[in-house]
């Protein structure tokens, strides 16, 4: 039985995420590839989202430390990446979110980021969660592929122990056999029952692990649309979509990102669903 309890509202600048507030969009490329393209993508997503009145938080990782090969592109790194994200905040005028992989990065990351994201593989790292919580910034904890939604109470309690209640929880799939993820839509209300808004990540779920993301067989992007609709219909508070102008030439998660030219159509559909569900 899922216990219905009051949900905390997470405040990201002027954006309020949670029950009673509009669906929020968290979107951007998997990783920062260069400064000009990052700003261009952020501007394009804002151009699409603004007329639809969907609050927008820009997402791009300054570092992807869980690549399957040491030879794969991991991003520009902390210093350059944060400088680029700071420019996105200033020039595009939107909040920014990025992954933080290690405790030593937290202070610098918190000086720029509006939301600090805990990567799924690190959601049980106590020292990282405590350091993030102590910043007082909103923390987005991605559910590990190896955890049940009920078990997310453990990382939540670690952040809460620091006095920080600005917590988002992200559903991004669960391991189902070898190198495959499935989404349990029940994860949305289950994690909401912990008292915090839930983000539904419709793009990482379609990744086929064990195959390079540059290989067309490395993902099933045709399922982004139905998964996003399912997550929104289940009542998620924010939708997480990695998007790129030319996904198959992207330097990370090439086969699981949504082409940016398809973003407007997808948002129009899920906003119709969201207005019904959230009403």
Protein backbone atom coordinates (compact mmCIF):
# COMPACT_ATOMS: atom_id res chain seq x y z
CA UNK A 1 0.00 0.00 0.00
CA UNK A 2 1.30 3.48 -0.94
CA UNK A 3 0.75 5.98 1.84
CA UNK A 4 -0.45 9.34 0.55
CA UNK A 5 1.48 12.09 2.30
CA UNK A 6 2.03 15.76 1.62
CA UNK A 7 4.71 16.47 -0.97
CA UNK A 8 7.52 18.96 -0.47
CA UNK A 9 7.84 21.67 -3.14
CA UNK A 10 11.30 22.05 -4.66
CA UNK A 11 12.20 25.60 -5.67
CA UNK A 12 14.65 26.13 -8.52
CA UNK A 13 14.96 29.88 -8.97
CA UNK A 14 11.39 30.95 -9.90
CA UNK A 15 10.35 27.39 -10.81
CA UNK A 16 8.27 25.42 -8.30
CA UNK A 17 8.26 21.64 -8.74
CA UNK A 18 5.74 19.44 -6.97
CA UNK A 19 2.08 18.79 -6.41
CA UNK A 20 -0.09 21.72 -7.45
CA UNK A 21 2.56 23.14 -9.77
CA UNK A 22 2.93 22.77 -13.55
CA UNK A 23 4.97 20.01 -15.15
CA UNK A 24 8.63 21.08 -15.46
CA UNK A 25 10.98 20.27 -18.34
CA UNK A 26 14.58 19.24 -17.64
CA UNK A 27 16.32 18.98 -21.00
CA UNK A 28 19.58 19.33 -22.87
CA UNK A 29 22.35 17.24 -24.40
CA UNK A 30 23.91 14.35 -22.49
CA UNK A 31 27.27 16.08 -22.18
CA UNK A 32 28.78 19.49 -22.94
CA UNK A 33 30.56 19.13 -26.27
CA UNK A 34 31.62 22.75 -26.78
CA UNK A 35 30.52 26.20 -25.69
CA UNK A 36 28.80 27.45 -28.83
CA UNK A 37 26.72 24.32 -29.39
CA UNK A 38 25.71 24.16 -25.73
CA UNK A 39 24.41 27.72 -25.78
CA UNK A 40 22.70 27.17 -29.12
CA UNK A 41 20.90 24.07 -27.83
CA UNK A 42 19.82 25.85 -24.64
CA UNK A 43 18.46 28.76 -26.70
CA UNK A 44 16.57 26.39 -29.00
CA UNK A 45 14.95 24.51 -26.12
CA UNK A 46 13.94 27.79 -24.53
CA UNK A 47 12.49 28.96 -27.87
CA UNK A 48 10.39 25.78 -27.98
CA UNK A 49 9.36 25.63 -24.32
CA UNK A 50 8.56 29.29 -23.66
CA UNK A 51 5.43 29.57 -25.88
CA UNK A 52 4.17 26.32 -24.35
CA UNK A 53 4.50 27.80 -20.83
CA UNK A 54 6.46 24.83 -19.53
CA UNK A 55 9.14 25.79 -16.99
CA UNK A 56 12.57 24.79 -18.31
CA UNK A 57 15.80 23.75 -16.56
CA UNK A 58 18.79 23.19 -18.83
CA UNK A 59 20.72 19.94 -18.33
CA UNK A 60 24.19 19.08 -19.64
CA UNK A 61 26.95 17.15 -17.90
CA UNK A 62 30.36 18.78 -17.53
CA UNK A 63 31.65 15.25 -16.98
CA UNK A 64 30.29 11.75 -17.68
CA UNK A 65 32.48 9.54 -15.54
CA UNK A 66 30.61 6.27 -16.11
CA UNK A 67 31.49 5.75 -19.78
CA UNK A 68 32.08 2.10 -20.72
CA UNK A 69 35.53 2.84 -22.17
CA UNK A 70 38.33 5.13 -21.00
CA UNK A 71 38.71 6.17 -24.64
CA UNK A 72 35.19 7.64 -24.88
CA UNK A 73 34.55 11.38 -24.55
CA UNK A 74 33.72 12.35 -20.96
CA UNK A 75 33.18 16.09 -21.31
CA UNK A 76 35.27 19.24 -20.84
CA UNK A 77 35.70 18.73 -17.10
CA UNK A 78 34.77 20.72 -14.03
CA UNK A 79 36.34 24.13 -14.65
CA UNK A 80 35.53 24.58 -18.34
CA UNK A 81 32.15 22.90 -18.00
CA UNK A 82 31.01 25.12 -15.13
CA UNK A 83 32.17 28.21 -17.01
CA UNK A 84 30.01 27.19 -19.98
CA UNK A 85 27.01 26.44 -17.77
CA UNK A 86 27.45 29.79 -16.04
CA UNK A 87 27.27 31.46 -19.44
CA UNK A 88 24.08 29.51 -20.24
CA UNK A 89 22.55 30.91 -17.03
CA UNK A 90 23.57 34.45 -17.91
CA UNK A 91 22.98 34.54 -21.68
CA UNK A 92 19.97 32.22 -22.02
CA UNK A 93 18.45 33.04 -18.66
CA UNK A 94 17.52 29.54 -17.49
CA UNK A 95 18.51 27.47 -14.43
CA UNK A 96 21.14 24.78 -15.00
CA UNK A 97 21.61 21.20 -13.77
CA UNK A 98 24.58 18.87 -14.08
CA UNK A 99 25.93 15.59 -12.68
CA UNK A 100 28.38 15.72 -9.79
CA UNK A 101 30.52 12.58 -9.51
CA UNK A 102 32.80 13.22 -6.57
CA UNK A 103 32.78 14.94 -3.21
CA UNK A 104 35.69 17.22 -4.12
CA UNK A 105 33.64 18.77 -6.96
CA UNK A 106 30.65 19.69 -4.82
CA UNK A 107 31.75 23.15 -3.61
CA UNK A 108 32.64 24.42 -7.09
CA UNK A 109 29.57 22.83 -8.65
CA UNK A 110 27.25 24.37 -6.06
CA UNK A 111 28.65 27.83 -6.82
CA UNK A 112 27.22 27.61 -10.36
CA UNK A 113 24.56 24.91 -10.60
CA UNK A 114 20.95 25.53 -9.61
CA UNK A 115 20.37 21.78 -9.21
CA UNK A 116 23.06 19.22 -8.30
CA UNK A 117 22.39 15.81 -9.78
CA UNK A 118 23.45 12.52 -8.19
CA UNK A 119 24.21 10.01 -10.98
CA UNK A 120 22.23 6.77 -10.76
CA UNK A 121 25.30 4.62 -10.16
CA UNK A 122 26.27 6.86 -7.20
CA UNK A 123 22.92 7.18 -5.46
CA UNK A 124 24.16 5.17 -2.47
CA UNK A 125 27.45 7.08 -2.00
CA UNK A 126 27.01 8.44 1.50
CA UNK A 127 29.86 10.99 1.47
CA UNK A 128 28.67 12.43 -1.86
CA UNK A 129 25.03 12.70 -0.74
CA UNK A 130 25.99 14.37 2.53
CA UNK A 131 28.29 16.86 0.83
CA UNK A 132 25.59 17.74 -1.69
CA UNK A 133 22.94 18.04 0.99
CA UNK A 134 25.05 20.45 3.01
CA UNK A 135 25.09 22.94 0.12
CA UNK A 136 21.39 23.62 0.67
CA UNK A 137 20.89 23.47 -3.09
CA UNK A 138 18.15 21.35 -4.74
CA UNK A 139 19.44 17.80 -5.22
CA UNK A 140 18.16 15.49 -7.97
CA UNK A 141 18.83 11.88 -6.95
CA UNK A 142 18.58 9.49 -9.88
CA UNK A 143 17.31 6.07 -8.85
CA UNK A 144 19.96 3.43 -9.36
CA UNK A 145 19.14 0.76 -11.93
CA UNK A 146 19.73 -1.74 -9.12
CA UNK A 147 17.30 -0.25 -6.58
CA UNK A 148 13.58 -0.55 -6.04
CA UNK A 149 11.66 2.73 -5.75
CA UNK A 150 10.97 1.90 -2.09
CA UNK A 151 14.72 1.70 -1.38
CA UNK A 152 15.14 5.33 -2.47
CA UNK A 153 14.18 6.22 1.10
CA UNK A 154 17.80 5.45 2.03
CA UNK A 155 19.48 8.19 -0.09
CA UNK A 156 16.62 10.54 0.75
CA UNK A 157 17.25 10.07 4.48
CA UNK A 158 20.96 10.78 3.99
CA UNK A 159 20.24 14.15 2.37
CA UNK A 160 17.53 14.93 4.92
CA UNK A 161 20.07 14.34 7.72
CA UNK A 162 21.86 17.50 6.53
CA UNK A 163 18.70 19.57 6.95
CA UNK A 164 18.18 19.89 3.19
CA UNK A 165 14.63 19.09 2.07
CA UNK A 166 15.03 20.31 -1.52
CA UNK A 167 15.07 16.82 -3.06
CA UNK A 168 13.97 15.51 -6.45
CA UNK A 169 13.85 11.79 -7.25
CA UNK A 170 14.26 10.51 -10.80
CA UNK A 171 12.90 7.32 -12.32
CA UNK A 172 15.27 6.20 -15.11
CA UNK A 173 14.65 2.49 -15.44
CA UNK A 174 15.51 -0.71 -13.65
CA UNK A 175 17.85 -3.50 -14.74
CA UNK A 176 15.90 -6.31 -16.39
CA UNK A 177 18.22 -9.12 -17.39
CA UNK A 178 21.54 -8.29 -19.03
CA UNK A 179 22.10 -4.82 -20.55
CA UNK A 180 18.43 -3.91 -20.64
CA UNK A 181 16.32 -1.46 -18.67
CA UNK A 182 12.57 -1.36 -18.15
CA UNK A 183 10.45 1.31 -16.53
CA UNK A 184 8.07 0.42 -13.74
CA UNK A 185 5.54 3.24 -13.98
CA UNK A 186 4.53 2.46 -10.40
CA UNK A 187 7.88 3.99 -9.40
CA UNK A 188 6.37 7.44 -9.91
CA UNK A 189 3.68 7.26 -7.19
CA UNK A 190 5.86 5.05 -4.98
CA UNK A 191 8.68 7.61 -4.85
CA UNK A 192 6.19 10.47 -4.52
CA UNK A 193 4.91 8.70 -1.40
CA UNK A 194 8.33 9.45 0.14
CA UNK A 195 7.22 13.09 0.11
CA UNK A 196 9.22 14.52 -2.79
CA UNK A 197 8.58 15.42 -6.45
CA UNK A 198 9.44 12.79 -9.03
CA UNK A 199 11.17 13.34 -12.37
CA UNK A 200 10.60 10.84 -15.18
CA UNK A 201 13.65 10.29 -17.41
CA UNK A 202 12.29 9.05 -20.75
CA UNK A 203 15.63 8.91 -22.56
CA UNK A 204 18.08 6.90 -20.44
CA UNK A 205 15.52 4.09 -20.21
CA UNK A 206 15.81 3.43 -23.96
CA UNK A 207 19.60 2.95 -23.85
CA UNK A 208 20.78 -0.59 -24.69
CA UNK A 209 23.88 -1.13 -22.58
CA UNK A 210 26.74 -3.22 -23.89
CA UNK A 211 26.49 -1.62 -27.33
CA UNK A 212 28.34 1.66 -28.05
CA UNK A 213 25.91 4.58 -28.03
CA UNK A 214 27.23 5.63 -31.45
CA UNK A 215 25.83 2.35 -32.82
CA UNK A 216 22.17 2.64 -33.92
CA UNK A 217 21.55 -0.57 -31.97
CA UNK A 218 22.67 1.18 -28.79
CA UNK A 219 19.25 2.61 -28.09
CA UNK A 220 15.55 2.54 -28.96
CA UNK A 221 14.65 6.24 -29.28
CA UNK A 222 11.30 5.37 -30.90
CA UNK A 223 10.09 4.52 -27.40
CA UNK A 224 10.91 7.94 -25.89
CA UNK A 225 7.48 9.24 -26.92
CA UNK A 226 5.32 6.49 -25.35
CA UNK A 227 7.50 6.35 -22.23
CA UNK A 228 7.25 10.11 -21.73
CA UNK A 229 3.49 9.95 -22.13
CA UNK A 230 3.27 7.08 -19.64
CA UNK A 231 5.38 8.91 -17.07
CA UNK A 232 3.33 12.09 -17.34
CA UNK A 233 0.06 10.13 -17.23
CA UNK A 234 1.33 8.50 -14.02
CA UNK A 235 1.65 11.98 -12.51
CA UNK A 236 5.39 12.77 -12.62
CA UNK A 237 6.26 16.33 -11.58
CA UNK A 238 8.99 16.89 -14.18
CA UNK A 239 10.04 15.25 -17.43
CA UNK A 240 13.73 14.66 -18.20
CA UNK A 241 14.64 14.53 -21.89
CA UNK A 242 18.13 14.44 -23.34
CA UNK A 243 17.98 16.10 -26.73
CA UNK A 244 20.44 17.06 -29.45
CA UNK A 245 20.27 18.61 -32.97
CA UNK A 246 22.07 15.61 -34.47
CA UNK A 247 21.94 12.72 -31.97
CA UNK A 248 23.82 10.11 -34.01
CA UNK A 249 26.82 12.44 -34.21
CA UNK A 250 26.69 13.35 -30.52
CA UNK A 251 29.69 12.44 -28.38
CA UNK A 252 27.67 10.60 -25.71
CA UNK A 253 24.34 8.72 -25.62
CA UNK A 254 24.00 9.23 -29.36
CA UNK A 255 21.42 6.49 -29.87
CA UNK A 256 19.15 7.39 -26.96
CA UNK A 257 18.65 11.15 -27.28
CA UNK A 258 15.62 12.79 -28.84
CA UNK A 259 16.27 14.84 -32.00
CA UNK A 260 15.55 18.42 -30.97
CA UNK A 261 13.30 18.89 -34.01
CA UNK A 262 10.89 16.39 -32.40
CA UNK A 263 10.82 18.10 -29.00
CA UNK A 264 7.98 20.55 -29.67
CA UNK A 265 5.59 17.82 -30.80
CA UNK A 266 6.39 15.63 -27.78
CA UNK A 267 5.93 18.52 -25.36
CA UNK A 268 2.58 19.45 -26.89
CA UNK A 269 1.31 15.90 -26.37
CA UNK A 270 2.53 15.44 -22.81
CA UNK A 271 1.31 18.89 -21.76
CA UNK A 272 -2.21 17.90 -22.79
CA UNK A 273 -1.89 14.81 -20.60
CA UNK A 274 -0.33 16.79 -17.78
CA UNK A 275 -3.14 19.33 -17.64
CA UNK A 276 -5.67 16.53 -17.26
CA UNK A 277 -3.68 14.56 -14.69
CA UNK A 278 -2.45 17.50 -12.61
CA UNK A 279 -5.86 19.16 -12.65
